[in-house]
Protein backbone atom coordinates (compact mmCIF):
# COMPACT_ATOMS: atom_id res chain seq x y z
CA MET A 1 77.12 -18.52 -14.19
CA LEU A 2 74.65 -19.04 -17.03
CA ILE A 3 71.92 -17.17 -15.14
CA ASP A 4 74.20 -14.17 -14.61
CA LEU A 5 75.35 -14.17 -18.24
CA ALA A 6 71.79 -14.43 -19.56
CA LYS A 7 70.60 -11.60 -17.31
CA LYS A 8 73.49 -9.42 -18.47
CA ALA A 9 72.72 -10.09 -22.14
CA LEU A 10 69.04 -9.34 -21.63
CA SER A 11 69.78 -6.08 -19.84
CA GLU A 12 71.39 -4.71 -23.00
CA ASN A 13 68.05 -4.95 -24.88
CA ARG A 14 69.59 -6.58 -27.95
CA ASN A 15 68.05 -9.02 -30.38
CA LEU A 16 69.32 -12.37 -29.09
CA PRO A 17 69.26 -15.98 -30.39
CA PHE A 18 67.81 -17.29 -27.14
CA SER A 19 64.99 -16.51 -24.73
CA VAL A 20 64.71 -16.57 -20.96
CA TYR A 21 61.54 -17.62 -19.19
CA ARG A 22 61.40 -16.84 -15.49
CA SER A 23 58.72 -16.66 -12.83
CA ILE A 24 58.27 -16.29 -9.09
CA LYS A 25 54.95 -18.15 -9.07
CA GLU A 26 53.99 -21.46 -10.65
CA GLN A 27 52.93 -21.30 -14.30
CA HIS A 28 50.68 -23.90 -15.91
CA MET A 29 49.96 -23.65 -19.64
CA LEU A 30 48.18 -26.06 -21.95
CA ASN A 31 48.68 -26.49 -25.70
CA VAL A 32 51.99 -24.62 -25.95
CA PRO A 33 53.04 -24.78 -29.62
CA VAL A 34 56.50 -26.16 -30.40
CA ILE A 35 57.05 -25.55 -34.11
CA LYS A 36 60.82 -25.87 -34.31
CA PRO A 37 63.18 -28.11 -32.29
CA LEU A 38 63.53 -26.44 -28.89
CA LEU A 39 66.26 -26.84 -26.26
CA ILE A 40 65.10 -25.87 -22.75
CA VAL A 41 67.80 -25.64 -20.07
CA VAL A 42 66.37 -25.39 -16.55
CA LEU A 43 68.74 -23.40 -14.35
CA SER A 44 66.51 -22.71 -11.33
CA GLY A 45 63.24 -24.33 -10.26
CA SER A 46 61.83 -27.25 -12.21
CA LYS A 47 59.78 -27.91 -15.31
CA GLU A 48 57.08 -30.52 -15.86
CA LEU A 49 55.83 -31.51 -19.32
CA GLY A 50 52.63 -33.34 -20.20
CA PHE A 51 49.11 -33.09 -18.86
CA GLU A 52 50.01 -35.20 -15.83
CA GLY A 53 53.60 -33.97 -15.46
CA GLU A 54 54.97 -37.13 -17.03
CA LEU A 55 58.37 -35.56 -17.71
CA VAL A 56 60.19 -33.70 -14.92
CA CYS A 57 63.24 -31.47 -15.51
CA PRO A 58 65.02 -30.48 -12.27
CA PRO A 59 67.49 -27.58 -12.05
CA GLY A 60 70.74 -28.30 -13.86
CA SER A 61 69.05 -30.40 -16.52
CA PHE A 62 67.74 -29.92 -20.04
CA VAL A 63 65.03 -31.23 -22.31
CA PHE A 64 65.23 -31.12 -26.11
CA LEU A 65 61.77 -31.09 -27.73
CA SER A 66 61.09 -32.11 -31.30
CA ASN A 67 58.91 -29.94 -33.50
CA LYS A 68 55.44 -31.12 -32.55
CA PRO A 69 52.02 -29.42 -32.49
CA THR A 70 51.45 -28.63 -28.78
CA ILE A 71 52.44 -29.68 -25.27
CA ALA A 72 51.37 -28.85 -21.70
CA MET A 73 54.00 -27.15 -19.55
CA ARG A 74 54.30 -26.37 -15.85
CA ASN A 75 57.08 -24.06 -14.60
CA ILE A 76 57.67 -24.43 -10.86
CA PRO A 77 59.86 -22.00 -8.87
CA ARG A 78 62.09 -23.42 -6.16
CA ASN A 79 63.45 -21.13 -3.45
CA SER A 80 63.51 -17.81 -5.34
CA GLU A 81 62.37 -18.37 -8.94
CA TYR A 82 62.02 -20.49 -12.04
CA PHE A 83 64.66 -19.62 -14.64
CA ALA A 84 65.14 -21.39 -17.96
CA LEU A 85 67.18 -20.74 -21.09
CA LEU A 86 65.39 -21.54 -24.38
CA ILE A 87 67.10 -21.98 -27.74
CA GLU A 88 65.05 -22.60 -30.87
CA PHE A 89 66.81 -24.41 -33.72
CA GLU A 90 66.27 -24.05 -37.44
CA TYR A 91 65.89 -27.11 -39.66
CA SER A 92 69.08 -26.16 -41.51
CA ASP A 93 71.07 -26.35 -38.24
CA PHE A 94 70.84 -30.14 -38.38
CA GLU A 95 72.65 -30.34 -41.71
CA CYS A 96 75.89 -30.73 -39.76
CA ILE A 97 74.69 -34.03 -38.29
CA GLU A 98 74.07 -37.28 -40.09
CA HIS A 99 70.37 -37.96 -39.74
CA ARG A 100 69.11 -41.23 -38.38
CA SER A 101 66.56 -42.94 -40.59
CA SER A 102 64.48 -44.38 -37.74
CA GLU A 103 61.39 -42.76 -36.25
CA THR A 104 61.81 -39.26 -34.85
CA ASN A 105 62.25 -38.88 -31.09
CA THR A 106 59.66 -36.56 -29.58
CA TYR A 107 62.12 -35.48 -26.88
CA PHE A 108 65.19 -36.42 -24.90
CA GLN A 109 66.61 -35.05 -21.69
CA GLY A 110 69.86 -35.02 -19.78
CA VAL A 111 72.06 -33.35 -17.20
CA LEU A 112 73.84 -30.09 -17.94
CA GLU A 113 77.39 -31.44 -18.06
CA PRO A 114 80.40 -29.06 -17.77
CA THR A 115 81.25 -29.27 -21.48
CA LEU A 116 77.70 -28.41 -22.52
CA GLU A 117 77.51 -25.66 -19.89
CA TYR A 118 80.71 -24.10 -21.24
CA THR A 119 79.38 -24.33 -24.80
CA LEU A 120 76.20 -22.51 -23.74
CA LYS A 121 78.33 -19.92 -21.96
CA GLN A 122 80.19 -19.24 -25.20
CA PHE A 123 76.90 -19.14 -27.10
CA ILE A 124 75.50 -16.42 -24.82
CA GLU A 125 78.69 -14.35 -24.79
CA TRP A 126 79.27 -14.63 -28.54
CA SER A 127 75.66 -13.82 -29.42
CA GLU A 128 76.02 -10.37 -27.86
CA LEU A 129 78.62 -9.49 -30.50
CA ALA A 130 77.85 -11.58 -33.56
CA PRO A 131 75.26 -10.54 -36.17
CA PRO A 132 72.14 -12.73 -36.58
CA GLN A 133 73.51 -14.13 -39.86
CA LEU A 134 76.16 -16.00 -37.85
CA TRP A 135 74.04 -17.33 -34.99
CA HIS A 136 73.53 -20.64 -36.78
CA ILE A 137 77.25 -21.42 -36.38
CA ARG A 138 76.98 -21.65 -32.61
CA ARG A 139 73.65 -23.49 -32.74
CA LYS A 140 75.30 -26.16 -34.89
CA GLU A 141 78.15 -26.30 -32.40
CA ILE A 142 75.68 -27.03 -29.58
CA LEU A 143 74.23 -29.93 -31.57
CA GLN A 144 77.67 -31.35 -32.29
CA VAL A 145 78.74 -31.06 -28.66
CA MET A 146 75.58 -32.82 -27.49
CA ARG A 147 76.25 -35.68 -29.87
CA SER A 148 79.88 -35.90 -28.73
CA LEU A 149 78.61 -36.24 -25.15
CA GLY A 150 76.64 -39.32 -26.15
CA PHE A 151 73.23 -37.82 -26.86
CA GLU A 152 72.71 -39.68 -30.12
CA GLN A 153 69.01 -38.72 -30.00
CA VAL A 154 69.97 -35.32 -31.37
CA ARG A 155 70.30 -37.00 -34.76
CA SER A 156 66.59 -37.80 -34.85
CA ILE A 157 64.96 -34.97 -32.87
CA MET A 158 63.96 -33.03 -35.97
CA LYS A 159 60.94 -34.08 -37.99
CA PRO A 160 60.76 -32.94 -41.63
CA PRO A 161 58.56 -29.82 -41.89
CA THR A 162 54.94 -30.69 -42.62
CA LEU A 163 52.53 -28.47 -44.55
CA SER A 164 51.22 -27.27 -41.19
CA HIS A 165 54.73 -26.18 -40.19
CA LYS A 166 55.24 -24.36 -43.49
CA ILE A 167 51.96 -22.46 -43.12
CA TYR A 168 52.77 -21.62 -39.50
CA THR A 169 56.14 -20.20 -40.57
CA ILE A 170 54.55 -18.01 -43.24
CA ILE A 171 51.91 -16.65 -40.86
CA ALA A 172 54.40 -16.12 -38.01
CA SER A 173 56.68 -14.08 -40.29
CA ASP A 174 53.97 -11.43 -40.81
CA LEU A 175 51.45 -11.53 -37.96
CA THR A 176 50.07 -8.04 -38.47
CA ASN A 177 48.98 -8.91 -42.02
CA ASP A 178 45.87 -11.10 -41.83
CA LEU A 179 46.85 -13.67 -44.46
CA ASP A 180 43.97 -15.93 -45.45
CA ALA A 181 44.03 -19.47 -46.83
CA GLY A 182 43.68 -18.24 -50.41
CA VAL A 183 46.78 -16.06 -50.22
CA ILE A 184 48.89 -18.72 -48.53
CA SER A 185 47.77 -21.47 -50.91
CA SER A 186 48.92 -19.27 -53.80
CA MET A 187 52.27 -18.75 -52.08
CA LEU A 188 52.61 -22.54 -51.83
CA ALA A 189 51.57 -23.06 -55.46
CA MET A 190 48.40 -25.02 -54.76
CA SER A 191 44.67 -24.41 -54.72
CA GLU A 192 42.92 -23.50 -51.50
CA SER A 193 40.88 -26.72 -51.63
CA THR A 194 44.07 -28.77 -51.99
CA LEU A 195 45.66 -26.93 -49.07
CA ARG A 196 42.68 -27.62 -46.82
CA ARG A 197 42.50 -31.26 -47.92
CA LYS A 198 46.20 -31.82 -47.18
CA LEU A 199 45.86 -30.13 -43.79
CA SER A 200 42.92 -32.37 -42.98
CA ALA A 201 45.07 -35.39 -43.82
CA GLU A 202 47.61 -34.09 -41.27
CA GLY A 203 44.84 -33.71 -38.70
CA ASP A 204 45.01 -29.92 -38.73
CA ARG A 205 42.95 -26.90 -39.80
CA PHE A 206 44.03 -23.58 -41.27
CA GLN A 207 42.36 -21.47 -38.58
CA ASP A 208 43.92 -23.54 -35.81
CA ILE A 209 47.38 -23.01 -37.31
CA LYS A 210 46.69 -19.29 -37.56
CA ASP A 211 45.61 -19.15 -33.92
CA ARG A 212 48.68 -21.09 -32.76
CA ALA A 213 51.00 -18.76 -34.68
CA LYS A 214 49.45 -15.59 -33.28
CA LEU A 215 48.87 -16.81 -29.75
CA GLY A 216 52.22 -18.61 -29.57
CA TYR A 217 53.94 -15.30 -30.26
CA GLY A 218 51.65 -13.66 -27.73
CA LEU A 219 52.68 -16.22 -25.13
CA HIS A 220 56.34 -15.50 -25.88
CA LEU A 221 55.83 -11.75 -25.49
CA VAL A 222 53.89 -12.13 -22.23
CA GLN A 223 56.74 -14.27 -20.89
CA THR A 224 59.67 -12.18 -22.10
CA SER A 225 58.64 -8.55 -22.62
CA THR A 226 57.27 -5.64 -20.61
CA ASN A 227 54.79 -4.62 -23.31
CA SER A 228 51.24 -4.03 -22.13
CA ILE A 229 48.71 -6.73 -22.93
CA GLY A 230 47.03 -4.34 -25.35
CA ARG A 231 50.28 -3.76 -27.19
CA ILE A 232 50.96 -7.51 -27.33
CA ALA A 233 47.50 -8.10 -28.78
CA ALA A 234 48.23 -5.55 -31.53
CA LEU A 235 51.63 -7.10 -32.29
CA CYS A 236 49.91 -10.45 -32.70
CA GLY A 237 47.45 -9.03 -35.21
CA TYR A 238 44.42 -8.53 -32.95
CA SER A 239 42.55 -5.22 -33.08
CA SER A 240 40.71 -6.10 -29.86
CA GLN A 241 42.51 -6.85 -26.60
CA SER A 242 39.46 -8.68 -25.27
CA ARG A 243 39.38 -10.99 -28.30
CA PHE A 244 43.09 -11.72 -27.86
CA THR A 245 42.53 -12.47 -24.16
CA ASP A 246 39.58 -14.76 -24.87
CA LYS A 247 41.50 -16.78 -27.48
CA PHE A 248 44.62 -16.87 -25.28
CA LYS A 249 42.59 -18.23 -22.36
CA ARG A 250 40.84 -20.79 -24.56
CA LEU A 251 44.14 -22.18 -25.91
CA PHE A 252 46.47 -21.98 -22.90
CA ASN A 253 43.92 -22.19 -20.05
CA VAL A 254 45.27 -18.98 -18.50
CA THR A 255 44.76 -15.31 -19.38
CA PRO A 256 47.67 -13.09 -20.43
CA THR A 257 47.22 -10.97 -17.31
CA GLU A 258 47.19 -14.01 -15.00
CA LEU A 259 50.35 -15.32 -16.62
CA ARG A 260 52.06 -11.92 -16.50
CA LYS A 261 51.46 -11.75 -12.74
CA THR A 262 53.52 -14.90 -12.20
CA ARG A 263 56.61 -13.32 -13.70
CA MET A 264 59.41 -11.52 -11.97
CA ASN A 265 58.56 -7.81 -12.04
CA GLY A 266 55.21 -8.68 -13.66
CA SER A 267 52.28 -6.46 -12.81
CA GLY A 268 49.70 -7.79 -15.23
CA GLU A 269 49.96 -4.79 -17.51
């Protein structure tokens, strides 16, 4: 039911509050950035997370990932294809839930129970009609339903945004404009040296954040759109397709064209 509803929503070419990742061949990607809490519902095939596939998500299950720098992912088709529904949550969505003061969970997983499945069904159907300003209402409802089903981990899945997250968000909001560290430090009311020092304390670098923002969006477009690789490179702020491909390969250990060929109806270009 959810697969059919998601396909129908996608066919209308609307801006939607969820994404669908699907493939007919196995996909293996390293260093996938997860900047905001992310719910992944596996509806067909299976998903493995971690360099050694430490976490396995079979069909009819979900995994909720906390906002963390990067993670390795393997999408494995079973029978016909791999099909997963992805919903990214905003930090403000968690205001409806009393936060737990203990250490943040990096993830939790569970089975797609009927109540949660029905809630996701409503989310998909409603999102086709509701304006983006109202999408947060249904996202909050999903969180509340998960907690009511006993998934108390939802209270501690969100880590407070770090400086790295804030910079990522600024860059991701305007990828075609090549914002440098000086501009962003001014936007955050600090000197460039202070910005770099604080990032170093977090174990991060400005250029690495910039690459993750651009290439993370590129990964999303390769997985969800029919744009050519050249067009995707331009949308991510790269004037050279070859440079985009080289950086993409270096980060994810697969080229955009190789990844595109694993998708349903994917031709590589």
